[in-house]
Every structure is written in structure tokens, then in C-alpha cells.
Amino acid sequence: MTPPPTIALFAKYPRPGLAKTRLIPALGEEGAADLHRRLVERTLGTICESGLPFAVWTTGAEHGAFTEWLGDDVPLEEQGEGDLGERLGRVPAPAILLGGDVPDLAARHLREAAKALGENDAVIGPAADGGYYLLGFTQEMPFLFADMAWGTETVLRDTERALRDREVRYRVLETLSDCDRPEDLDRWPDLTA
């Protein structure tokens, strides 16, 4: 029997001025870092509720700082150096890659992604901005992380094209919105209350 995928939550340490920088014009450095901290904690709670195995892939601070923040029962892995594609590509299969900035993410989305990987080689959770909030795979697929214009509205389209070109069976989940830009804040007023 195939082992369940491990969720890899990518998280930056919530240091003011370095976390959620696109939200700094609206929230200030402290406010953006605090929002990032709360989003990661919220996502971690959702992951725990899903019952799936997980690890937090860290950047921006030593593991001791993450342990102090998230607790000593949270498994940690280093993202390492390089661009986003290089860091994502280090996660071993089977895995579900996840960011911490999708407030509407629910445990059912994660369980649905894991179930989809039982029937497909990949699964994508599309983000409304043209990227994705979740990407799962049953085997190593380095082509998904090479030559990608990260942070643009073409990431989802280019990822799906790469999967189709290699005839990889994949499933697309419900589209969700992430919280990246000042205009996104209106969608979730409780986040800044």
C-alpha cells in the first residue's frame, strides 16, 4: 500500500519587514508580519485537523525560533537556498506542497487532495490569482519547478501544460484565493480586526 502524502507547509519566519512584504503598504511591517504569523498558525491547525502527516519547511530563522513559535511537537525541515522552484523541488514524494496564506483552506481540501493522489499522479489546488495554493505528487516531478515564472498569473497554466505535455494524470481541486496583496484584505476582514 502506498504511504499517504506528507503535507509540506512552506513557512517563512514572521520577521517584520521580511514577511508578507506586499502587505506592508496596508498594514506596516509589524502588521504584515503579525498577519503572516496568524495565517501560518491557522493553516497548521487546519493541517492537524486533516489527520495527514506533515512537516513545516522553514526559512528566515533557525529551527529553535520556529520551535519556540510553533511548539516542539511540530516536525521541521529546512527549505535551503535557491529560488522557490529549487526549494519546492527538494520535498520528497509523495507530498502535498502548501503555502500558509489561504484563509479559506479547510481540512476537507487536504483530505480531498490526498484522496486524489490515490487515483492520480498529481493534484493541483488552483489559486484565483493564476497560481496554485496546493500541489501534490506521487513521484518526483522536477519539471514542475524548473523555468517557472513564480509569483505571476501564469504559474497554474504553465504547471498544467507541463503535466499534460508529459501525460501525467492529475486532478484539479476547488479554486481558492490567497492573501498576498492589500486588495485581498477586504475579502477577510476578520484577519485584520
N, C-alpha and C. Protein backbone atom coordinates (compact mmCIF):
# COMPACT_ATOMS: atom_id res chain seq x y z
N MET A 1 0.84 -1.20 0.00
CA MET A 1 0.00 0.00 0.00
C MET A 1 0.88 1.25 0.00
N THR A 2 0.49 2.22 -0.80
CA THR A 2 1.25 3.46 -0.91
C THR A 2 1.09 4.29 0.36
N PRO A 3 2.18 4.84 0.89
CA PRO A 3 2.04 5.68 2.07
C PRO A 3 1.27 6.96 1.74
N PRO A 4 0.59 7.55 2.73
CA PRO A 4 -0.12 8.80 2.45
C PRO A 4 0.90 9.91 2.16
N PRO A 5 0.48 10.90 1.39
CA PRO A 5 1.40 12.01 1.12
C PRO A 5 1.64 12.80 2.40
N THR A 6 2.84 13.34 2.52
CA THR A 6 3.16 14.22 3.64
C THR A 6 2.94 15.66 3.19
N ILE A 7 2.20 16.41 3.98
CA ILE A 7 1.99 17.82 3.67
C ILE A 7 3.25 18.58 4.03
N ALA A 8 3.74 19.36 3.10
CA ALA A 8 4.91 20.22 3.31
C ALA A 8 4.43 21.66 3.34
N LEU A 9 4.27 22.20 4.54
CA LEU A 9 3.85 23.59 4.70
C LEU A 9 5.08 24.48 4.63
N PHE A 10 5.13 25.32 3.61
CA PHE A 10 6.25 26.25 3.45
C PHE A 10 5.97 27.50 4.26
N ALA A 11 6.87 27.82 5.19
CA ALA A 11 6.63 28.95 6.10
C ALA A 11 7.91 29.75 6.30
N LYS A 12 7.76 31.04 6.18
CA LYS A 12 8.84 31.98 6.48
C LYS A 12 8.64 32.45 7.92
N TYR A 13 9.73 32.69 8.61
CA TYR A 13 9.63 33.20 9.97
C TYR A 13 9.01 34.61 9.92
N PRO A 14 8.07 34.92 10.83
CA PRO A 14 7.34 36.20 10.77
C PRO A 14 8.16 37.39 11.29
N ARG A 15 9.22 37.71 10.59
CA ARG A 15 10.09 38.82 10.98
C ARG A 15 9.59 40.11 10.30
N PRO A 16 9.30 41.17 11.07
CA PRO A 16 8.83 42.42 10.46
C PRO A 16 9.77 42.93 9.38
N GLY A 17 9.18 43.31 8.28
CA GLY A 17 9.95 43.82 7.14
C GLY A 17 10.34 42.75 6.15
N LEU A 18 10.23 41.46 6.55
CA LEU A 18 10.63 40.36 5.68
C LEU A 18 9.50 39.38 5.38
N ALA A 19 8.39 39.50 6.09
CA ALA A 19 7.26 38.58 5.88
C ALA A 19 6.08 39.36 5.31
N LYS A 20 5.43 38.78 4.32
CA LYS A 20 4.26 39.38 3.68
C LYS A 20 4.55 40.81 3.25
N THR A 21 5.65 40.98 2.54
CA THR A 21 6.11 42.33 2.20
C THR A 21 5.14 43.10 1.29
N ARG A 22 4.37 42.39 0.48
CA ARG A 22 3.41 43.10 -0.39
C ARG A 22 2.25 43.70 0.41
N LEU A 23 2.09 43.25 1.67
CA LEU A 23 1.04 43.81 2.52
C LEU A 23 1.54 44.95 3.41
N ILE A 24 2.82 45.22 3.38
CA ILE A 24 3.38 46.28 4.23
C ILE A 24 2.75 47.66 3.95
N PRO A 25 2.48 48.03 2.68
CA PRO A 25 1.85 49.34 2.45
C PRO A 25 0.51 49.50 3.18
N ALA A 26 -0.22 48.41 3.35
CA ALA A 26 -1.53 48.47 4.00
C ALA A 26 -1.45 48.26 5.51
N LEU A 27 -0.52 47.42 5.96
CA LEU A 27 -0.50 47.01 7.37
C LEU A 27 0.73 47.46 8.15
N GLY A 28 1.75 47.94 7.45
CA GLY A 28 3.02 48.24 8.10
C GLY A 28 3.81 46.95 8.30
N GLU A 29 5.09 47.09 8.63
CA GLU A 29 5.95 45.92 8.77
C GLU A 29 5.50 44.99 9.88
N GLU A 30 5.18 45.54 11.05
CA GLU A 30 4.73 44.72 12.18
C GLU A 30 3.39 44.05 11.86
N GLY A 31 2.47 44.81 11.29
CA GLY A 31 1.15 44.27 10.97
C GLY A 31 1.20 43.15 9.94
N ALA A 32 2.04 43.32 8.93
CA ALA A 32 2.17 42.28 7.90
C ALA A 32 2.79 41.02 8.49
N ALA A 33 3.81 41.18 9.34
CA ALA A 33 4.44 40.01 9.97
C ALA A 33 3.46 39.32 10.91
N ASP A 34 2.67 40.10 11.64
CA ASP A 34 1.69 39.51 12.55
C ASP A 34 0.62 38.75 11.78
N LEU A 35 0.17 39.31 10.66
CA LEU A 35 -0.82 38.60 9.83
C LEU A 35 -0.23 37.30 9.30
N HIS A 36 1.00 37.35 8.86
CA HIS A 36 1.66 36.13 8.37
C HIS A 36 1.72 35.07 9.48
N ARG A 37 2.10 35.50 10.68
CA ARG A 37 2.16 34.57 11.82
C ARG A 37 0.81 33.91 12.04
N ARG A 38 -0.26 34.71 12.05
CA ARG A 38 -1.59 34.16 12.30
C ARG A 38 -2.06 33.24 11.17
N LEU A 39 -1.72 33.58 9.93
CA LEU A 39 -2.10 32.72 8.80
C LEU A 39 -1.40 31.36 8.86
N VAL A 40 -0.11 31.37 9.19
CA VAL A 40 0.62 30.10 9.30
C VAL A 40 0.03 29.27 10.44
N GLU A 41 -0.25 29.88 11.58
CA GLU A 41 -0.83 29.15 12.71
C GLU A 41 -2.20 28.58 12.35
N ARG A 42 -2.98 29.36 11.63
CA ARG A 42 -4.31 28.91 11.19
C ARG A 42 -4.17 27.71 10.25
N THR A 43 -3.23 27.79 9.30
CA THR A 43 -3.01 26.70 8.36
C THR A 43 -2.52 25.45 9.07
N LEU A 44 -1.64 25.63 10.04
CA LEU A 44 -1.14 24.49 10.81
C LEU A 44 -2.29 23.80 11.55
N GLY A 45 -3.21 24.56 12.09
CA GLY A 45 -4.38 23.98 12.74
C GLY A 45 -5.23 23.18 11.75
N THR A 46 -5.37 23.71 10.55
CA THR A 46 -6.13 23.01 9.50
C THR A 46 -5.45 21.70 9.12
N ILE A 47 -4.13 21.74 9.00
CA ILE A 47 -3.37 20.53 8.67
C ILE A 47 -3.56 19.48 9.77
N CYS A 48 -3.44 19.88 11.02
CA CYS A 48 -3.61 18.94 12.13
C CYS A 48 -5.01 18.34 12.11
N GLU A 49 -6.00 19.16 11.80
CA GLU A 49 -7.39 18.68 11.72
C GLU A 49 -7.56 17.64 10.61
N SER A 50 -6.76 17.75 9.54
CA SER A 50 -6.88 16.81 8.42
C SER A 50 -6.44 15.41 8.79
N GLY A 51 -5.57 15.29 9.80
CA GLY A 51 -5.06 13.99 10.21
C GLY A 51 -3.93 13.45 9.33
N LEU A 52 -3.49 14.22 8.35
CA LEU A 52 -2.42 13.77 7.45
C LEU A 52 -1.05 14.08 8.05
N PRO A 53 -0.04 13.27 7.71
CA PRO A 53 1.30 13.58 8.19
C PRO A 53 1.78 14.89 7.57
N PHE A 54 2.65 15.60 8.29
CA PHE A 54 3.10 16.90 7.79
C PHE A 54 4.47 17.25 8.35
N ALA A 55 5.08 18.25 7.73
CA ALA A 55 6.28 18.90 8.23
C ALA A 55 6.22 20.35 7.78
N VAL A 56 6.76 21.24 8.60
CA VAL A 56 6.86 22.65 8.22
C VAL A 56 8.25 22.86 7.64
N TRP A 57 8.30 23.35 6.41
CA TRP A 57 9.56 23.63 5.72
C TRP A 57 9.88 25.10 5.95
N THR A 58 10.97 25.35 6.65
CA THR A 58 11.24 26.66 7.22
C THR A 58 12.28 27.47 6.45
N THR A 59 12.15 28.80 6.60
CA THR A 59 13.16 29.74 6.13
C THR A 59 13.04 31.01 6.96
N GLY A 60 14.14 31.74 7.06
CA GLY A 60 14.11 33.03 7.73
C GLY A 60 14.56 33.02 9.18
N ALA A 61 14.79 31.85 9.75
CA ALA A 61 15.25 31.75 11.15
C ALA A 61 15.72 30.32 11.40
N GLU A 62 16.48 30.16 12.48
CA GLU A 62 16.93 28.83 12.90
C GLU A 62 15.73 28.03 13.41
N HIS A 63 15.87 26.71 13.43
CA HIS A 63 14.77 25.86 13.89
C HIS A 63 14.36 26.17 15.32
N GLY A 64 15.31 26.61 16.15
CA GLY A 64 14.97 26.95 17.53
C GLY A 64 13.90 28.03 17.61
N ALA A 65 13.98 29.02 16.72
CA ALA A 65 12.97 30.09 16.69
C ALA A 65 11.61 29.54 16.26
N PHE A 66 11.63 28.63 15.28
CA PHE A 66 10.36 28.02 14.84
C PHE A 66 9.77 27.15 15.95
N THR A 67 10.61 26.41 16.66
CA THR A 67 10.13 25.57 17.75
C THR A 67 9.51 26.43 18.85
N GLU A 68 10.15 27.54 19.15
CA GLU A 68 9.61 28.45 20.15
C GLU A 68 8.25 29.01 19.71
N TRP A 69 8.12 29.28 18.40
CA TRP A 69 6.89 29.82 17.85
C TRP A 69 5.80 28.75 17.73
N LEU A 70 6.11 27.61 17.11
CA LEU A 70 5.09 26.63 16.74
C LEU A 70 4.98 25.45 17.71
N GLY A 71 5.97 25.27 18.57
CA GLY A 71 5.94 24.16 19.52
C GLY A 71 6.93 23.08 19.14
N ASP A 72 7.35 22.32 20.16
CA ASP A 72 8.38 21.31 19.90
C ASP A 72 7.82 20.00 19.34
N ASP A 73 6.51 19.93 19.11
CA ASP A 73 5.91 18.74 18.51
C ASP A 73 5.68 18.90 17.01
N VAL A 74 6.12 20.02 16.44
CA VAL A 74 5.93 20.28 15.01
C VAL A 74 7.21 19.87 14.27
N PRO A 75 7.12 18.88 13.35
CA PRO A 75 8.30 18.47 12.59
C PRO A 75 8.76 19.60 11.66
N LEU A 76 10.07 19.84 11.64
CA LEU A 76 10.63 20.93 10.85
C LEU A 76 11.66 20.41 9.84
N GLU A 77 11.67 21.03 8.67
CA GLU A 77 12.67 20.76 7.63
C GLU A 77 13.16 22.10 7.11
N GLU A 78 14.42 22.16 6.72
CA GLU A 78 14.98 23.39 6.13
C GLU A 78 14.61 23.48 4.65
N GLN A 79 14.14 24.65 4.22
CA GLN A 79 13.90 24.86 2.79
C GLN A 79 15.21 24.89 2.02
N GLY A 80 16.24 25.44 2.61
CA GLY A 80 17.52 25.57 1.93
C GLY A 80 17.56 26.80 1.05
N GLU A 81 18.64 26.91 0.30
CA GLU A 81 18.87 28.08 -0.55
C GLU A 81 18.23 27.90 -1.91
N GLY A 82 18.20 29.00 -2.68
CA GLY A 82 17.73 28.94 -4.05
C GLY A 82 16.38 29.62 -4.23
N ASP A 83 15.94 29.65 -5.47
CA ASP A 83 14.64 30.26 -5.76
C ASP A 83 13.53 29.31 -5.30
N LEU A 84 12.31 29.78 -5.42
CA LEU A 84 11.17 28.99 -4.93
C LEU A 84 11.13 27.61 -5.57
N GLY A 85 11.38 27.53 -6.86
CA GLY A 85 11.37 26.24 -7.54
C GLY A 85 12.38 25.26 -6.99
N GLU A 86 13.59 25.75 -6.71
CA GLU A 86 14.62 24.88 -6.14
C GLU A 86 14.21 24.39 -4.75
N ARG A 87 13.60 25.27 -3.97
CA ARG A 87 13.21 24.89 -2.62
C ARG A 87 12.03 23.91 -2.63
N LEU A 88 11.04 24.17 -3.49
CA LEU A 88 9.91 23.24 -3.61
C LEU A 88 10.37 21.87 -4.11
N GLY A 89 11.31 21.88 -5.03
CA GLY A 89 11.79 20.65 -5.63
C GLY A 89 12.54 19.73 -4.68
N ARG A 90 12.88 20.20 -3.50
CA ARG A 90 13.59 19.38 -2.51
C ARG A 90 12.65 18.47 -1.70
N VAL A 91 11.36 18.71 -1.78
CA VAL A 91 10.42 17.93 -0.97
C VAL A 91 10.26 16.55 -1.61
N PRO A 92 10.51 15.49 -0.84
CA PRO A 92 10.39 14.14 -1.40
C PRO A 92 8.93 13.70 -1.59
N ALA A 93 8.71 12.90 -2.61
CA ALA A 93 7.38 12.34 -2.88
C ALA A 93 7.15 11.12 -1.97
N PRO A 94 5.88 10.82 -1.71
CA PRO A 94 4.67 11.55 -2.08
C PRO A 94 4.45 12.73 -1.13
N ALA A 95 4.02 13.85 -1.71
CA ALA A 95 3.89 15.07 -0.91
C ALA A 95 2.77 15.95 -1.44
N ILE A 96 2.33 16.83 -0.56
CA ILE A 96 1.41 17.90 -0.91
C ILE A 96 2.07 19.19 -0.45
N LEU A 97 2.46 20.04 -1.40
CA LEU A 97 3.08 21.32 -1.09
C LEU A 97 1.98 22.33 -0.80
N LEU A 98 2.22 23.15 0.20
CA LEU A 98 1.18 24.06 0.67
C LEU A 98 1.81 25.35 1.18
N GLY A 99 1.17 26.47 0.87
CA GLY A 99 1.56 27.75 1.46
C GLY A 99 0.66 28.05 2.64
N GLY A 100 1.04 29.02 3.42
CA GLY A 100 0.28 29.35 4.63
C GLY A 100 -0.60 30.56 4.49
N ASP A 101 -0.94 30.96 3.27
CA ASP A 101 -1.65 32.23 3.09
C ASP A 101 -3.01 32.07 2.40
N VAL A 102 -3.71 30.97 2.68
CA VAL A 102 -5.02 30.70 2.07
C VAL A 102 -6.04 30.57 3.20
N PRO A 103 -6.65 31.68 3.61
CA PRO A 103 -7.53 31.66 4.77
C PRO A 103 -8.73 30.72 4.66
N ASP A 104 -9.21 30.46 3.46
CA ASP A 104 -10.38 29.59 3.29
C ASP A 104 -10.04 28.11 3.20
N LEU A 105 -8.76 27.76 3.30
CA LEU A 105 -8.35 26.37 3.25
C LEU A 105 -8.99 25.61 4.42
N ALA A 106 -9.55 24.46 4.12
CA ALA A 106 -10.18 23.62 5.15
C ALA A 106 -9.55 22.23 5.11
N ALA A 107 -9.71 21.51 6.20
CA ALA A 107 -9.16 20.15 6.28
C ALA A 107 -9.70 19.28 5.15
N ARG A 108 -10.93 19.50 4.74
CA ARG A 108 -11.51 18.70 3.65
C ARG A 108 -10.74 18.89 2.35
N HIS A 109 -10.19 20.09 2.10
CA HIS A 109 -9.38 20.29 0.89
C HIS A 109 -8.13 19.41 0.92
N LEU A 110 -7.52 19.30 2.08
CA LEU A 110 -6.31 18.50 2.21
C LEU A 110 -6.62 17.01 2.08
N ARG A 111 -7.72 16.58 2.71
CA ARG A 111 -8.11 15.17 2.59
C ARG A 111 -8.49 14.84 1.14
N GLU A 112 -9.16 15.79 0.48
CA GLU A 112 -9.52 15.59 -0.93
C GLU A 112 -8.27 15.49 -1.80
N ALA A 113 -7.26 16.30 -1.51
CA ALA A 113 -6.00 16.24 -2.26
C ALA A 113 -5.32 14.89 -2.07
N ALA A 114 -5.30 14.42 -0.83
CA ALA A 114 -4.68 13.12 -0.55
C ALA A 114 -5.44 12.00 -1.26
N LYS A 115 -6.76 12.07 -1.25
CA LYS A 115 -7.56 11.07 -1.94
C LYS A 115 -7.30 11.10 -3.44
N ALA A 116 -7.18 12.31 -3.99
CA ALA A 116 -6.92 12.45 -5.43
C ALA A 116 -5.60 11.80 -5.82
N LEU A 117 -4.62 11.84 -4.92
CA LEU A 117 -3.33 11.23 -5.22
C LEU A 117 -3.39 9.71 -5.17
N GLY A 118 -4.47 9.16 -4.60
CA GLY A 118 -4.66 7.72 -4.66
C GLY A 118 -5.10 7.25 -6.03
N GLU A 119 -5.59 8.20 -6.85
CA GLU A 119 -6.13 7.87 -8.16
C GLU A 119 -5.40 8.57 -9.31
N ASN A 120 -4.52 9.51 -8.97
CA ASN A 120 -3.81 10.31 -9.97
C ASN A 120 -2.35 10.45 -9.55
N ASP A 121 -1.54 10.94 -10.48
CA ASP A 121 -0.12 11.15 -10.17
C ASP A 121 0.15 12.53 -9.58
N ALA A 122 -0.81 13.46 -9.78
CA ALA A 122 -0.64 14.82 -9.27
C ALA A 122 -2.00 15.42 -8.96
N VAL A 123 -1.99 16.45 -8.14
CA VAL A 123 -3.20 17.19 -7.81
C VAL A 123 -2.82 18.66 -7.66
N ILE A 124 -3.72 19.54 -8.11
CA ILE A 124 -3.47 20.98 -8.05
C ILE A 124 -4.65 21.66 -7.38
N GLY A 125 -4.36 22.55 -6.45
CA GLY A 125 -5.36 23.45 -5.89
C GLY A 125 -5.13 24.82 -6.49
N PRO A 126 -5.93 25.22 -7.49
CA PRO A 126 -5.69 26.49 -8.16
C PRO A 126 -6.02 27.69 -7.28
N ALA A 127 -5.21 28.72 -7.38
CA ALA A 127 -5.48 29.98 -6.70
C ALA A 127 -6.14 30.94 -7.68
N ALA A 128 -7.01 31.80 -7.18
CA ALA A 128 -7.76 32.72 -8.04
C ALA A 128 -6.85 33.68 -8.80
N ASP A 129 -5.63 33.90 -8.32
CA ASP A 129 -4.72 34.85 -8.97
C ASP A 129 -3.90 34.24 -10.10
N GLY A 130 -4.17 32.97 -10.45
CA GLY A 130 -3.45 32.33 -11.55
C GLY A 130 -2.30 31.44 -11.11
N GLY A 131 -2.07 31.35 -9.82
CA GLY A 131 -1.07 30.43 -9.29
C GLY A 131 -1.76 29.21 -8.72
N TYR A 132 -1.12 28.59 -7.74
CA TYR A 132 -1.78 27.49 -7.03
C TYR A 132 -1.46 27.60 -5.55
N TYR A 133 -2.41 27.12 -4.73
CA TYR A 133 -2.20 27.12 -3.28
C TYR A 133 -1.74 25.75 -2.80
N LEU A 134 -1.87 24.74 -3.66
CA LEU A 134 -1.55 23.37 -3.29
C LEU A 134 -1.08 22.64 -4.53
N LEU A 135 -0.04 21.84 -4.37
CA LEU A 135 0.42 20.97 -5.45
C LEU A 135 0.87 19.67 -4.83
N GLY A 136 0.27 18.57 -5.26
CA GLY A 136 0.62 17.26 -4.74
C GLY A 136 1.14 16.36 -5.85
N PHE A 137 2.00 15.42 -5.47
CA PHE A 137 2.57 14.50 -6.46
C PHE A 137 2.94 13.19 -5.77
N THR A 138 2.85 12.10 -6.54
CA THR A 138 3.15 10.77 -6.01
C THR A 138 4.58 10.35 -6.27
N GLN A 139 5.25 11.03 -7.20
CA GLN A 139 6.64 10.73 -7.54
C GLN A 139 7.36 12.04 -7.85
N GLU A 140 8.68 11.98 -7.87
CA GLU A 140 9.46 13.19 -8.14
C GLU A 140 9.09 13.73 -9.53
N MET A 141 8.84 15.04 -9.61
CA MET A 141 8.50 15.69 -10.87
C MET A 141 9.25 17.02 -10.96
N PRO A 142 10.58 16.97 -11.13
CA PRO A 142 11.37 18.20 -11.13
C PRO A 142 10.97 19.20 -12.21
N PHE A 143 10.36 18.72 -13.28
CA PHE A 143 9.95 19.61 -14.37
C PHE A 143 8.88 20.61 -13.91
N LEU A 144 8.21 20.34 -12.80
CA LEU A 144 7.19 21.27 -12.31
C LEU A 144 7.79 22.51 -11.66
N PHE A 145 9.08 22.48 -11.39
CA PHE A 145 9.71 23.56 -10.63
C PHE A 145 10.78 24.31 -11.43
N ALA A 146 11.06 23.85 -12.64
CA ALA A 146 12.11 24.47 -13.46
C ALA A 146 11.49 25.50 -14.41
N ASP A 147 12.20 26.59 -14.61
CA ASP A 147 11.79 27.62 -15.58
C ASP A 147 10.36 28.10 -15.36
N MET A 148 9.99 28.32 -14.11
CA MET A 148 8.65 28.80 -13.78
C MET A 148 8.72 30.27 -13.40
N ALA A 149 7.80 31.06 -13.91
CA ALA A 149 7.74 32.49 -13.58
C ALA A 149 6.96 32.65 -12.28
N TRP A 150 7.62 32.34 -11.15
CA TRP A 150 6.96 32.35 -9.84
C TRP A 150 6.37 33.72 -9.53
N GLY A 151 5.19 33.70 -8.89
CA GLY A 151 4.55 34.94 -8.48
C GLY A 151 3.78 35.63 -9.59
N THR A 152 3.58 34.95 -10.71
CA THR A 152 2.83 35.55 -11.82
C THR A 152 1.52 34.80 -12.04
N GLU A 153 0.67 35.38 -12.88
CA GLU A 153 -0.64 34.77 -13.15
C GLU A 153 -0.55 33.60 -14.12
N THR A 154 0.66 33.21 -14.55
CA THR A 154 0.80 32.10 -15.50
C THR A 154 1.24 30.80 -14.84
N VAL A 155 1.49 30.80 -13.54
CA VAL A 155 2.04 29.61 -12.87
C VAL A 155 1.10 28.40 -13.02
N LEU A 156 -0.18 28.59 -12.77
CA LEU A 156 -1.13 27.47 -12.89
C LEU A 156 -1.17 26.95 -14.32
N ARG A 157 -1.32 27.84 -15.26
CA ARG A 157 -1.40 27.45 -16.68
C ARG A 157 -0.13 26.70 -17.10
N ASP A 158 1.03 27.23 -16.72
CA ASP A 158 2.29 26.59 -17.10
C ASP A 158 2.47 25.23 -16.42
N THR A 159 1.99 25.12 -15.18
CA THR A 159 2.08 23.85 -14.46
C THR A 159 1.20 22.79 -15.12
N GLU A 160 -0.02 23.18 -15.45
CA GLU A 160 -0.93 22.23 -16.13
C GLU A 160 -0.38 21.83 -17.49
N ARG A 161 0.20 22.77 -18.21
CA ARG A 161 0.79 22.44 -19.52
C ARG A 161 1.92 21.43 -19.35
N ALA A 162 2.77 21.64 -18.34
CA ALA A 162 3.88 20.71 -18.10
C ALA A 162 3.37 19.31 -17.78
N LEU A 163 2.30 19.22 -17.02
CA LEU A 163 1.72 17.90 -16.69
C LEU A 163 1.11 17.25 -17.94
N ARG A 164 0.37 18.02 -18.72
CA ARG A 164 -0.24 17.47 -19.94
C ARG A 164 0.82 17.03 -20.95
N ASP A 165 1.86 17.86 -21.11
CA ASP A 165 2.93 17.52 -22.08
C ASP A 165 3.57 16.19 -21.75
N ARG A 166 3.61 15.83 -20.48
CA ARG A 166 4.24 14.56 -20.06
C ARG A 166 3.19 13.48 -19.77
N GLU A 167 1.93 13.78 -20.13
CA GLU A 167 0.81 12.84 -19.97
C GLU A 167 0.69 12.33 -18.55
N VAL A 168 0.85 13.25 -17.60
CA VAL A 168 0.69 12.94 -16.18
C VAL A 168 -0.79 13.10 -15.82
N ARG A 169 -1.35 12.07 -15.20
CA ARG A 169 -2.75 12.15 -14.75
C ARG A 169 -2.81 13.04 -13.52
N TYR A 170 -3.69 14.05 -13.58
CA TYR A 170 -3.82 14.95 -12.43
C TYR A 170 -5.27 15.37 -12.24
N ARG A 171 -5.54 15.83 -11.05
CA ARG A 171 -6.88 16.31 -10.69
C ARG A 171 -6.78 17.74 -10.23
N VAL A 172 -7.77 18.54 -10.54
CA VAL A 172 -7.83 19.94 -10.13
C VAL A 172 -8.90 20.08 -9.04
N LEU A 173 -8.53 20.69 -7.94
CA LEU A 173 -9.44 20.92 -6.82
C LEU A 173 -10.17 22.26 -6.99
N GLU A 174 -10.96 22.58 -5.99
CA GLU A 174 -11.67 23.85 -5.93
C GLU A 174 -10.68 25.03 -5.92
N THR A 175 -11.04 26.10 -6.62
CA THR A 175 -10.22 27.30 -6.63
C THR A 175 -10.43 28.08 -5.33
N LEU A 176 -9.33 28.50 -4.71
CA LEU A 176 -9.37 29.32 -3.50
C LEU A 176 -8.52 30.57 -3.73
N SER A 177 -8.72 31.57 -2.91
CA SER A 177 -7.94 32.80 -3.01
C SER A 177 -6.89 32.83 -1.91
N ASP A 178 -5.73 33.39 -2.26
CA ASP A 178 -4.71 33.58 -1.23
C ASP A 178 -4.68 35.05 -0.82
N CYS A 179 -4.03 35.32 0.27
CA CYS A 179 -3.98 36.66 0.83
C CYS A 179 -2.56 37.19 0.67
N ASP A 180 -2.33 37.90 -0.44
CA ASP A 180 -1.00 38.37 -0.79
C ASP A 180 -0.89 39.89 -0.90
N ARG A 181 -1.96 40.51 -1.38
CA ARG A 181 -1.90 41.94 -1.71
C ARG A 181 -2.87 42.74 -0.87
N PRO A 182 -2.67 44.03 -0.74
CA PRO A 182 -3.57 44.86 0.07
C PRO A 182 -5.04 44.69 -0.33
N GLU A 183 -5.32 44.57 -1.63
CA GLU A 183 -6.73 44.43 -2.06
C GLU A 183 -7.35 43.10 -1.62
N ASP A 184 -6.51 42.13 -1.29
CA ASP A 184 -7.03 40.84 -0.82
C ASP A 184 -7.61 40.94 0.60
N LEU A 185 -7.18 41.93 1.36
CA LEU A 185 -7.59 42.03 2.76
C LEU A 185 -9.08 42.24 2.94
N ASP A 186 -9.73 42.91 1.97
CA ASP A 186 -11.17 43.16 2.06
C ASP A 186 -11.97 41.87 2.12
N ARG A 187 -11.43 40.82 1.55
CA ARG A 187 -12.13 39.52 1.50
C ARG A 187 -12.26 38.88 2.87
N TRP A 188 -11.29 39.15 3.76
CA TRP A 188 -11.28 38.54 5.09
C TRP A 188 -11.10 39.61 6.17
N PRO A 189 -12.14 40.38 6.47
CA PRO A 189 -11.98 41.48 7.44
C PRO A 189 -11.59 40.99 8.83
N ASP A 190 -11.90 39.74 9.16
CA ASP A 190 -11.55 39.20 10.48
C ASP A 190 -10.03 39.05 10.67
N LEU A 191 -9.29 38.99 9.55
CA LEU A 191 -7.85 38.80 9.67
C LEU A 191 -7.13 40.02 10.21
N THR A 192 -7.69 41.19 9.99
CA THR A 192 -7.02 42.42 10.42
C THR A 192 -7.78 43.10 11.55
N ALA A 193 -8.80 42.44 12.08
CA ALA A 193 -9.59 43.06 13.16
C ALA A 193 -8.83 43.03 14.47
